Amino acid sequence: MKYKLQNTLILSITLLFSNTILSKENSKSCDDLLSDGQYQEAINQANNVLKTKKNDYKAAFCLGQANLRLNHYDEAFTDFKLADQLAKNEVDHAMANLLEAITLREAKRPDDALQIIKSKLPGIEANKTFKRLFLIEIGEAYLLTNKFDDAAAAFLEAYSLAANDDERANNLNRAAYAYSLSKNYSKAIEYQLKANLAYERTGLLGEYAESGINLAEYYLEFGDLASTERTLLKFEKLSRENGGMYFLAKALYIESKLYRRKLNLELSKTKLDEANKIANDIGAEDLKTLFK
């Protein structure tokens, strides 16, 4: 069974919008080019369309997506502003506004992102899908401004609008994370437990394992060592049985911290050595850095 990694907000948003402008050279749509990582080709394609069709919303939106993927934030923001000006319906306006805010957040300008997204929120109140996405973006921007309780509140309001277990799990997971950053571990545990159950219902094994290991880490920070150990052993077993080596290494790193806390230094070292070996084998430098 393969693990499915969680999509970023940017990728999930673009699924709502199919950009079908074509490249004459290879007949690929903008979506195809972006999916293939051919960002410069997408830029060239969109610019060629805009030379002859200056009011083409999809070309402007495609240009913004490609520039955003390349971290060309000023260009992307300008592109999405143009797309907003060219939009002819509520959905197109909402997509452009949302990507404007995401671009500003990615550019480490969360206050500007919040200003835009909050100013546009009243206009999409009736559209539950976009209201939820706007609330998620508000939550993500609040995280960057260290307003963790406000971020959690935004994620939980988004949760109330979720249409399925996948959306519910993602929103609960982010709320738990926000509470963990404010060191409110009792709240983090409460919502991570709910997220973990929702991920289990989705059948997305990667997200289920990740959220379970996060839950164990919150238990550890809260000082509930028995729940920490029980949860880690559960997800260590799941990861071993399903080939989730990244998650296995992460669980083992936290187990090393747990057993060090319990003064079982020999077992702590054993867990750390195995975690380091797996991380080296799979090239998980992020885990090695995180748990130094």
C-alpha atoms as a PDB file:
ATOM      1  CA  MET A   1       0.000   0.000   0.000  1.00  0.00           C
ATOM      2  CA  LYS A   2       1.400   3.361  -0.967  1.00  0.00           C
ATOM      3  CA  TYR A   3       1.357   6.493   1.137  1.00  0.00           C
ATOM      4  CA  LYS A   4      -0.279   9.534  -0.373  1.00  0.00           C
ATOM      5  CA  LEU A   5       1.359  12.764   0.770  1.00  0.00           C
ATOM      6  CA  GLN A   6      -0.833  15.736   1.644  1.00  0.00           C
ATOM      7  CA  ASN A   7      -1.244  18.334  -1.120  1.00  0.00           C
ATOM      8  CA  THR A   8      -0.371  21.936  -0.440  1.00  0.00           C
ATOM      9  CA  LEU A   9      -3.145  24.486  -0.429  1.00  0.00           C
ATOM     10  CA  ILE A  10      -1.890  25.875  -3.730  1.00  0.00           C
ATOM     11  CA  LEU A  11      -2.165  22.543  -5.490  1.00  0.00           C
ATOM     12  CA  SER A  12      -5.591  21.758  -4.060  1.00  0.00           C
ATOM     13  CA  ILE A  13      -6.929  25.135  -5.150  1.00  0.00           C
ATOM     14  CA  THR A  14      -5.784  24.720  -8.727  1.00  0.00           C
ATOM     15  CA  LEU A  15      -7.826  21.520  -8.969  1.00  0.00           C
ATOM     16  CA  LEU A  16     -10.916  23.733  -8.908  1.00  0.00           C
ATOM     17  CA  PHE A  17      -9.842  25.486 -12.062  1.00  0.00           C
ATOM     18  CA  SER A  18      -9.028  23.684 -15.313  1.00  0.00           C
ATOM     19  CA  ASN A  19      -6.837  25.851 -17.508  1.00  0.00           C
ATOM     20  CA  THR A  20      -7.161  24.561 -21.051  1.00  0.00           C
ATOM     21  CA  ILE A  21      -5.236  27.077 -23.135  1.00  0.00           C
ATOM     22  CA  LEU A  22      -3.069  25.044 -25.474  1.00  0.00           C
ATOM     23  CA  SER A  23       0.512  25.190 -26.639  1.00  0.00           C
ATOM     24  CA  LYS A  24       0.775  25.022 -30.425  1.00  0.00           C
ATOM     25  CA  GLU A  25       4.028  23.073 -30.146  1.00  0.00           C
ATOM     26  CA  ASN A  26       2.838  20.158 -28.032  1.00  0.00           C
ATOM     27  CA  SER A  27      -0.892  20.650 -27.511  1.00  0.00           C
ATOM     28  CA  LYS A  28      -0.418  20.588 -23.756  1.00  0.00           C
ATOM     29  CA  SER A  29      -2.777  22.595 -21.596  1.00  0.00           C
ATOM     30  CA  CYS A  30      -1.467  24.974 -18.967  1.00  0.00           C
ATOM     31  CA  ASP A  31      -2.477  22.419 -16.322  1.00  0.00           C
ATOM     32  CA  ASP A  32      -0.440  19.733 -18.090  1.00  0.00           C
ATOM     33  CA  LEU A  33       2.614  21.971 -18.318  1.00  0.00           C
ATOM     34  CA  LEU A  34       2.365  22.934 -14.644  1.00  0.00           C
ATOM     35  CA  SER A  35       1.902  19.303 -13.588  1.00  0.00           C
ATOM     36  CA  ASP A  36       4.995  18.354 -15.599  1.00  0.00           C
ATOM     37  CA  GLY A  37       7.052  21.136 -14.018  1.00  0.00           C
ATOM     38  CA  GLN A  38       7.376  22.943 -17.358  1.00  0.00           C
ATOM     39  CA  TYR A  39       6.852  26.357 -15.819  1.00  0.00           C
ATOM     40  CA  GLN A  40       8.773  28.410 -18.356  1.00  0.00           C
ATOM     41  CA  GLU A  41       6.885  26.682 -21.174  1.00  0.00           C
ATOM     42  CA  ALA A  42       3.623  27.614 -19.450  1.00  0.00           C
ATOM     43  CA  ILE A  43       4.797  31.233 -19.196  1.00  0.00           C
ATOM     44  CA  ASN A  44       5.722  31.295 -22.880  1.00  0.00           C
ATOM     45  CA  GLN A  45       2.393  29.771 -23.828  1.00  0.00           C
ATOM     46  CA  ALA A  46       0.367  32.212 -21.750  1.00  0.00           C
ATOM     47  CA  ASN A  47       2.310  35.221 -23.024  1.00  0.00           C
ATOM     48  CA  ASN A  48       1.734  34.121 -26.618  1.00  0.00           C
ATOM     49  CA  VAL A  49      -2.013  33.932 -25.992  1.00  0.00           C
ATOM     50  CA  LEU A  50      -2.086  37.342 -24.308  1.00  0.00           C
ATOM     51  CA  LYS A  51      -0.341  38.924 -27.301  1.00  0.00           C
ATOM     52  CA  THR A  52      -3.408  38.225 -29.439  1.00  0.00           C
ATOM     53  CA  LYS A  53      -6.093  37.962 -26.749  1.00  0.00           C
ATOM     54  CA  LYS A  54      -5.358  40.657 -24.184  1.00  0.00           C
ATOM     55  CA  ASN A  55      -8.549  39.915 -22.260  1.00  0.00           C
ATOM     56  CA  ASP A  56      -7.938  36.176 -21.837  1.00  0.00           C
ATOM     57  CA  TYR A  57      -8.517  35.402 -18.156  1.00  0.00           C
ATOM     58  CA  LYS A  58      -7.203  31.847 -18.361  1.00  0.00           C
ATOM     59  CA  ALA A  59      -3.920  32.966 -19.911  1.00  0.00           C
ATOM     60  CA  ALA A  60      -3.382  35.567 -17.170  1.00  0.00           C
ATOM     61  CA  PHE A  61      -4.257  33.010 -14.505  1.00  0.00           C
ATOM     62  CA  CYS A  62      -1.907  30.446 -16.055  1.00  0.00           C
ATOM     63  CA  LEU A  63       0.875  33.026 -16.096  1.00  0.00           C
ATOM     64  CA  GLY A  64       0.324  33.711 -12.405  1.00  0.00           C
ATOM     65  CA  GLN A  65       0.383  30.011 -11.524  1.00  0.00           C
ATOM     66  CA  ALA A  66       3.650  29.442 -13.373  1.00  0.00           C
ATOM     67  CA  ASN A  67       5.341  32.470 -11.836  1.00  0.00           C
ATOM     68  CA  LEU A  68       4.139  31.436  -8.391  1.00  0.00           C
ATOM     69  CA  ARG A  69       5.629  27.951  -8.840  1.00  0.00           C
ATOM     70  CA  LEU A  70       8.915  29.638  -9.783  1.00  0.00           C
ATOM     71  CA  ASN A  71       8.738  31.875  -6.688  1.00  0.00           C
ATOM     72  CA  HIS A  72       8.470  34.953  -8.905  1.00  0.00           C
ATOM     73  CA  TYR A  73       6.121  36.570  -6.431  1.00  0.00           C
ATOM     74  CA  ASP A  74       5.956  40.118  -7.810  1.00  0.00           C
ATOM     75  CA  GLU A  75       5.198  38.830 -11.294  1.00  0.00           C
ATOM     76  CA  ALA A  76       2.663  36.310 -10.001  1.00  0.00           C
ATOM     77  CA  PHE A  77       0.829  38.939  -7.964  1.00  0.00           C
ATOM     78  CA  THR A  78       0.640  41.220 -11.019  1.00  0.00           C
ATOM     79  CA  ASP A  79      -0.679  38.311 -13.102  1.00  0.00           C
ATOM     80  CA  PHE A  80      -3.414  37.456 -10.605  1.00  0.00           C
ATOM     81  CA  LYS A  81      -4.389  41.133 -10.336  1.00  0.00           C
ATOM     82  CA  LEU A  82      -4.782  41.149 -14.120  1.00  0.00           C
ATOM     83  CA  ALA A  83      -6.808  37.949 -13.970  1.00  0.00           C
ATOM     84  CA  ASP A  84      -9.089  39.572 -11.391  1.00  0.00           C
ATOM     85  CA  GLN A  85      -9.623  42.543 -13.715  1.00  0.00           C
ATOM     86  CA  LEU A  86     -10.445  40.193 -16.600  1.00  0.00           C
ATOM     87  CA  ALA A  87     -12.762  37.935 -14.580  1.00  0.00           C
ATOM     88  CA  LYS A  88     -16.362  37.856 -15.744  1.00  0.00           C
ATOM     89  CA  ASN A  89     -17.973  35.779 -13.001  1.00  0.00           C
ATOM     90  CA  GLU A  90     -17.859  35.230  -9.245  1.00  0.00           C
ATOM     91  CA  VAL A  91     -15.801  32.052  -9.411  1.00  0.00           C
ATOM     92  CA  ASP A  92     -13.067  33.602 -11.558  1.00  0.00           C
ATOM     93  CA  HIS A  93     -12.884  36.650  -9.283  1.00  0.00           C
ATOM     94  CA  ALA A  94     -12.657  34.425  -6.211  1.00  0.00           C
ATOM     95  CA  MET A  95      -9.901  32.274  -7.721  1.00  0.00           C
ATOM     96  CA  ALA A  96      -7.830  35.321  -8.647  1.00  0.00           C
ATOM     97  CA  ASN A  97      -8.329  36.951  -5.240  1.00  0.00           C
ATOM     98  CA  LEU A  98      -7.405  33.762  -3.421  1.00  0.00           C
ATOM     99  CA  LEU A  99      -4.219  33.301  -5.432  1.00  0.00           C
ATOM    100  CA  GLU A 100      -3.307  36.970  -4.877  1.00  0.00           C
ATOM    101  CA  ALA A 101      -3.423  36.320  -1.129  1.00  0.00           C
ATOM    102  CA  ILE A 102      -1.522  33.038  -1.387  1.00  0.00           C
ATOM    103  CA  THR A 103       1.175  34.749  -3.437  1.00  0.00           C
ATOM    104  CA  LEU A 104       1.610  37.451  -0.797  1.00  0.00           C
ATOM    105  CA  ARG A 105       1.772  34.856   1.981  1.00  0.00           C
ATOM    106  CA  GLU A 106       4.338  32.809   0.064  1.00  0.00           C
ATOM    107  CA  ALA A 107       6.318  36.054  -0.344  1.00  0.00           C
ATOM    108  CA  LYS A 108       6.314  36.401   3.479  1.00  0.00           C
ATOM    109  CA  ARG A 109       3.838  39.275   3.396  1.00  0.00           C
ATOM    110  CA  PRO A 110       1.090  37.762   5.581  1.00  0.00           C
ATOM    111  CA  ASP A 111      -0.375  41.092   6.704  1.00  0.00           C
ATOM    112  CA  ASP A 112      -0.940  42.101   3.079  1.00  0.00           C
ATOM    113  CA  ALA A 113      -2.406  38.678   2.365  1.00  0.00           C
ATOM    114  CA  LEU A 114      -4.826  39.072   5.272  1.00  0.00           C
ATOM    115  CA  GLN A 115      -5.875  42.513   4.104  1.00  0.00           C
ATOM    116  CA  ILE A 116      -6.801  41.212   0.664  1.00  0.00           C
ATOM    117  CA  ILE A 117      -8.494  38.010   1.729  1.00  0.00           C
ATOM    118  CA  LYS A 118     -10.547  39.656   4.489  1.00  0.00           C
ATOM    119  CA  SER A 119     -11.681  42.438   2.163  1.00  0.00           C
ATOM    120  CA  LYS A 120     -12.903  39.879  -0.385  1.00  0.00           C
ATOM    121  CA  LEU A 121     -14.486  37.444   2.081  1.00  0.00           C
ATOM    122  CA  PRO A 122     -17.902  39.188   2.278  1.00  0.00           C
ATOM    123  CA  GLY A 123     -18.319  38.807  -1.480  1.00  0.00           C
ATOM    124  CA  ILE A 124     -18.127  35.011  -1.382  1.00  0.00           C
ATOM    125  CA  GLU A 125     -20.047  34.311   1.848  1.00  0.00           C
ATOM    126  CA  ALA A 126     -22.762  32.404  -0.033  1.00  0.00           C
ATOM    127  CA  ASN A 127     -20.261  30.076  -1.710  1.00  0.00           C
ATOM    128  CA  LYS A 128     -19.295  27.503   0.928  1.00  0.00           C
ATOM    129  CA  THR A 129     -16.417  26.073  -1.086  1.00  0.00           C
ATOM    130  CA  PHE A 130     -14.685  29.400  -1.542  1.00  0.00           C
ATOM    131  CA  LYS A 131     -15.538  30.600   1.950  1.00  0.00           C
ATOM    132  CA  ARG A 132     -13.774  27.530   3.339  1.00  0.00           C
ATOM    133  CA  LEU A 133     -10.725  28.123   1.145  1.00  0.00           C
ATOM    134  CA  PHE A 134     -10.604  31.792   2.127  1.00  0.00           C
ATOM    135  CA  LEU A 135     -10.760  30.818   5.804  1.00  0.00           C
ATOM    136  CA  ILE A 136      -7.911  28.348   5.338  1.00  0.00           C
ATOM    137  CA  GLU A 137      -5.820  31.082   3.756  1.00  0.00           C
ATOM    138  CA  ILE A 138      -6.660  33.399   6.661  1.00  0.00           C
ATOM    139  CA  GLY A 139      -5.511  30.685   9.059  1.00  0.00           C
ATOM    140  CA  GLU A 140      -2.252  30.128   7.190  1.00  0.00           C
ATOM    141  CA  ALA A 141      -1.520  33.872   7.159  1.00  0.00           C
ATOM    142  CA  TYR A 142      -2.273  34.141  10.889  1.00  0.00           C
ATOM    143  CA  LEU A 143       0.262  31.375  11.538  1.00  0.00           C
ATOM    144  CA  LEU A 144       2.965  33.509   9.937  1.00  0.00           C
ATOM    145  CA  THR A 145       2.036  36.460  12.154  1.00  0.00           C
ATOM    146  CA  ASN A 146       2.192  34.268  15.296  1.00  0.00           C
ATOM    147  CA  LYS A 147      -1.529  34.749  15.974  1.00  0.00           C
ATOM    148  CA  PHE A 148      -1.996  31.089  16.684  1.00  0.00           C
ATOM    149  CA  ASP A 149      -5.390  31.201  18.411  1.00  0.00           C
ATOM    150  CA  ASP A 150      -6.799  33.281  15.540  1.00  0.00           C
ATOM    151  CA  ALA A 151      -5.351  30.756  13.102  1.00  0.00           C
ATOM    152  CA  ALA A 152      -6.978  27.863  14.967  1.00  0.00           C
ATOM    153  CA  ALA A 153     -10.320  29.678  14.973  1.00  0.00           C
ATOM    154  CA  ALA A 154     -10.113  30.202  11.203  1.00  0.00           C
ATOM    155  CA  PHE A 155      -9.276  26.545  10.571  1.00  0.00           C
ATOM    156  CA  LEU A 156     -12.139  25.401  12.790  1.00  0.00           C
ATOM    157  CA  GLU A 157     -14.601  27.681  11.001  1.00  0.00           C
ATOM    158  CA  ALA A 158     -13.349  26.189   7.741  1.00  0.00           C
ATOM    159  CA  TYR A 159     -13.906  22.748   9.260  1.00  0.00           C
ATOM    160  CA  SER A 160     -17.565  23.609   9.824  1.00  0.00           C
ATOM    161  CA  LEU A 161     -17.908  24.117   6.058  1.00  0.00           C
ATOM    162  CA  ALA A 162     -16.039  20.969   4.996  1.00  0.00           C
ATOM    163  CA  ALA A 163     -17.824  18.705   2.541  1.00  0.00           C
ATOM    164  CA  ASN A 164     -16.016  15.406   3.228  1.00  0.00           C
ATOM    165  CA  ASP A 165     -13.704  13.613   5.649  1.00  0.00           C
ATOM    166  CA  ASP A 166     -10.594  14.634   3.713  1.00  0.00           C
ATOM    167  CA  GLU A 167     -11.424  18.331   4.097  1.00  0.00           C
ATOM    168  CA  ARG A 168     -12.510  17.880   7.706  1.00  0.00           C
ATOM    169  CA  ALA A 169      -9.301  16.051   8.585  1.00  0.00           C
ATOM    170  CA  ASN A 170      -7.092  18.670   6.952  1.00  0.00           C
ATOM    171  CA  ASN A 171      -8.807  21.540   8.757  1.00  0.00           C
ATOM    172  CA  LEU A 172      -8.690  19.768  12.130  1.00  0.00           C
ATOM    173  CA  ASN A 173      -5.036  18.925  11.575  1.00  0.00           C
ATOM    174  CA  ARG A 174      -4.147  22.578  10.950  1.00  0.00           C
ATOM    175  CA  ALA A 175      -6.150  23.705  13.985  1.00  0.00           C
ATOM    176  CA  ALA A 176      -4.245  21.223  16.142  1.00  0.00           C
ATOM    177  CA  TYR A 177      -0.957  22.463  14.720  1.00  0.00           C
ATOM    178  CA  ALA A 178      -1.901  26.074  15.481  1.00  0.00           C
ATOM    179  CA  TYR A 179      -2.711  25.177  19.085  1.00  0.00           C
ATOM    180  CA  SER A 180       0.590  23.319  19.398  1.00  0.00           C
ATOM    181  CA  LEU A 181       2.463  26.451  18.340  1.00  0.00           C
ATOM    182  CA  SER A 182       0.783  28.363  21.156  1.00  0.00           C
ATOM    183  CA  LYS A 183       1.750  25.472  23.471  1.00  0.00           C
ATOM    184  CA  ASN A 184      -1.890  24.738  24.210  1.00  0.00           C
ATOM    185  CA  TYR A 185      -1.263  21.021  24.007  1.00  0.00           C
ATOM    186  CA  SER A 186      -4.584  19.950  25.507  1.00  0.00           C
ATOM    187  CA  LYS A 187      -6.374  21.642  22.600  1.00  0.00           C
ATOM    188  CA  ALA A 188      -3.788  20.330  20.134  1.00  0.00           C
ATOM    189  CA  ILE A 189      -4.443  16.792  21.358  1.00  0.00           C
ATOM    190  CA  GLU A 190      -8.218  17.251  21.226  1.00  0.00           C
ATOM    191  CA  TYR A 191      -8.250  18.304  17.578  1.00  0.00           C
ATOM    192  CA  GLN A 192      -5.433  16.019  16.440  1.00  0.00           C
ATOM    193  CA  LEU A 193      -7.365  13.053  17.799  1.00  0.00           C
ATOM    194  CA  LYS A 194     -10.366  14.122  15.713  1.00  0.00           C
ATOM    195  CA  ALA A 195      -8.149  14.684  12.684  1.00  0.00           C
ATOM    196  CA  ASN A 196      -6.590  11.252  13.056  1.00  0.00           C
ATOM    197  CA  LEU A 197      -9.986   9.566  13.147  1.00  0.00           C
ATOM    198  CA  ALA A 198     -11.087  11.507  10.082  1.00  0.00           C
ATOM    199  CA  TYR A 199      -7.909  10.564   8.197  1.00  0.00           C
ATOM    200  CA  GLU A 200      -8.513   6.932   9.095  1.00  0.00           C
ATOM    201  CA  ARG A 201     -11.945   7.158   7.455  1.00  0.00           C
ATOM    202  CA  THR A 202     -10.465   8.608   4.265  1.00  0.00           C
ATOM    203  CA  GLY A 203      -8.176   5.644   3.746  1.00  0.00           C
ATOM    204  CA  LEU A 204      -5.251   8.012   3.097  1.00  0.00           C
ATOM    205  CA  LEU A 205      -2.571   6.049   4.886  1.00  0.00           C
ATOM    206  CA  GLY A 206       0.143   8.681   4.713  1.00  0.00           C
ATOM    207  CA  GLU A 207      -1.986  11.398   6.264  1.00  0.00           C
ATOM    208  CA  TYR A 208      -3.265   8.919   8.866  1.00  0.00           C
ATOM    209  CA  ALA A 209       0.280   7.986   9.893  1.00  0.00           C
ATOM    210  CA  GLU A 210       1.515  11.589   9.884  1.00  0.00           C
ATOM    211  CA  SER A 211      -1.363  12.807  12.038  1.00  0.00           C
ATOM    212  CA  GLY A 212      -0.951   9.914  14.453  1.00  0.00           C
ATOM    213  CA  ILE A 213       2.738  10.639  14.922  1.00  0.00           C
ATOM    214  CA  ASN A 214       1.947  14.333  15.400  1.00  0.00           C
ATOM    215  CA  LEU A 215      -0.576  13.319  18.050  1.00  0.00           C
ATOM    216  CA  ALA A 216       2.127  11.362  19.849  1.00  0.00           C
ATOM    217  CA  GLU A 217       4.408  14.377  19.785  1.00  0.00           C
ATOM    218  CA  TYR A 218       1.671  16.536  21.332  1.00  0.00           C
ATOM    219  CA  TYR A 219       1.169  13.907  24.051  1.00  0.00           C
ATOM    220  CA  LEU A 220       4.899  14.031  24.740  1.00  0.00           C
ATOM    221  CA  GLU A 221       4.936  17.809  25.051  1.00  0.00           C
ATOM    222  CA  PHE A 222       1.876  17.594  27.325  1.00  0.00           C
ATOM    223  CA  GLY A 223       3.718  15.125  29.553  1.00  0.00           C
ATOM    224  CA  ASP A 224       1.412  12.144  28.956  1.00  0.00           C
ATOM    225  CA  LEU A 225       4.168   9.601  28.439  1.00  0.00           C
ATOM    226  CA  ALA A 226       1.894   6.543  28.502  1.00  0.00           C
ATOM    227  CA  SER A 227      -0.278   7.889  25.660  1.00  0.00           C
ATOM    228  CA  THR A 228       2.859   8.953  23.793  1.00  0.00           C
ATOM    229  CA  GLU A 229       4.308   5.451  23.913  1.00  0.00           C
ATOM    230  CA  ARG A 230       1.051   3.710  23.040  1.00  0.00           C
ATOM    231  CA  THR A 231       0.457   5.979  20.033  1.00  0.00           C
ATOM    232  CA  LEU A 232       4.030   5.763  18.746  1.00  0.00           C
ATOM    233  CA  LEU A 233       4.137   1.983  18.913  1.00  0.00           C
ATOM    234  CA  LYS A 234       0.851   1.821  17.001  1.00  0.00           C
ATOM    235  CA  PHE A 235       2.120   3.969  14.157  1.00  0.00           C
ATOM    236  CA  GLU A 236       5.587   2.422  14.188  1.00  0.00           C
ATOM    237  CA  LYS A 237       3.878  -0.925  13.547  1.00  0.00           C
ATOM    238  CA  LEU A 238       1.658   0.563  10.831  1.00  0.00           C
ATOM    239  CA  SER A 239       4.656   2.121   9.085  1.00  0.00           C
ATOM    240  CA  ARG A 240       6.728  -1.065   9.208  1.00  0.00           C
ATOM    241  CA  GLU A 241       3.883  -3.159   7.835  1.00  0.00           C
ATOM    242  CA  ASN A 242       3.106  -0.766   4.969  1.00  0.00           C
ATOM    243  CA  GLY A 243       6.561   0.356   3.924  1.00  0.00           C
ATOM    244  CA  GLY A 244       6.228   3.918   5.139  1.00  0.00           C
ATOM    245  CA  MET A 245       9.899   4.437   5.869  1.00  0.00           C
ATOM    246  CA  TYR A 246       9.686   8.219   6.233  1.00  0.00           C
ATOM    247  CA  PHE A 247       6.973   7.900   8.868  1.00  0.00           C
ATOM    248  CA  LEU A 248       8.789   5.026  10.532  1.00  0.00           C
ATOM    249  CA  ALA A 249      11.889   7.179  10.916  1.00  0.00           C
ATOM    250  CA  LYS A 250       9.831  10.049  12.298  1.00  0.00           C
ATOM    251  CA  ALA A 251       8.141   7.770  14.840  1.00  0.00           C
ATOM    252  CA  LEU A 252      11.515   6.356  15.903  1.00  0.00           C
ATOM    253  CA  TYR A 253      12.979   9.831  16.396  1.00  0.00           C
ATOM    254  CA  ILE A 254      10.136  10.753  18.727  1.00  0.00           C
ATOM    255  CA  GLU A 255      10.450   7.402  20.515  1.00  0.00           C
ATOM    256  CA  SER A 256      14.110   8.263  21.121  1.00  0.00           C
ATOM    257  CA  LYS A 257      13.013  11.514  22.775  1.00  0.00           C
ATOM    258  CA  LEU A 258      10.396   9.656  24.796  1.00  0.00           C
ATOM    259  CA  TYR A 259      12.810   7.051  26.177  1.00  0.00           C
ATOM    260  CA  ARG A 260      15.393   9.705  26.941  1.00  0.00           C
ATOM    261  CA  ARG A 261      12.684  11.491  28.929  1.00  0.00           C
ATOM    262  CA  LYS A 262      12.031   8.178  30.738  1.00  0.00           C
ATOM    263  CA  LEU A 263      15.802   7.829  31.397  1.00  0.00           C
ATOM    264  CA  ASN A 264      16.026   4.637  29.335  1.00  0.00           C
ATOM    265  CA  LEU A 265      19.133   5.862  27.562  1.00  0.00           C
ATOM    266  CA  GLU A 266      20.047   2.541  25.958  1.00  0.00           C
ATOM    267  CA  LEU A 267      16.666   2.144  24.272  1.00  0.00           C
ATOM    268  CA  SER A 268      16.695   5.831  23.332  1.00  0.00           C
ATOM    269  CA  LYS A 269      20.002   5.337  21.516  1.00  0.00           C
ATOM    270  CA  THR A 270      18.751   2.204  19.760  1.00  0.00           C
ATOM    271  CA  LYS A 271      15.731   4.080  18.420  1.00  0.00           C
ATOM    272  CA  LEU A 272      17.863   7.054  17.385  1.00  0.00           C
ATOM    273  CA  ASP A 273      20.383   4.873  15.555  1.00  0.00           C
ATOM    274  CA  GLU A 274      17.639   3.119  13.565  1.00  0.00           C
ATOM    275  CA  ALA A 275      15.945   6.429  12.791  1.00  0.00           C
ATOM    276  CA  ASN A 276      19.214   7.919  11.532  1.00  0.00           C
ATOM    277  CA  LYS A 277      19.919   4.871   9.366  1.00  0.00           C
ATOM    278  CA  ILE A 278      16.489   5.026   7.735  1.00  0.00           C
ATOM    279  CA  ALA A 279      16.705   8.790   7.265  1.00  0.00           C
ATOM    280  CA  ASN A 280      20.105   8.386   5.595  1.00  0.00           C
ATOM    281  CA  ASP A 281      18.858   5.548   3.381  1.00  0.00           C
ATOM    282  CA  ILE A 282      15.863   7.530   2.094  1.00  0.00           C
ATOM    283  CA  GLY A 283      17.542  10.943   2.075  1.00  0.00           C
ATOM    284  CA  ALA A 284      15.173  12.458   4.650  1.00  0.00           C
ATOM    285  CA  GLU A 285      17.405  15.371   5.577  1.00  0.00           C
ATOM    286  CA  ASP A 286      14.416  17.294   6.945  1.00  0.00           C
ATOM    287  CA  LEU A 287      13.897  14.687   9.662  1.00  0.00           C
ATOM    288  CA  LYS A 288      17.579  14.627  10.598  1.00  0.00           C
ATOM    289  CA  THR A 289      17.557  18.398  10.926  1.00  0.00           C
ATOM    290  CA  LEU A 290      14.264  18.479  12.816  1.00  0.00           C
ATOM    291  CA  PHE A 291      15.352  15.986  15.436  1.00  0.00           C
ATOM    292  CA  LYS A 292      18.971  17.040  15.984  1.00  0.00           C
END
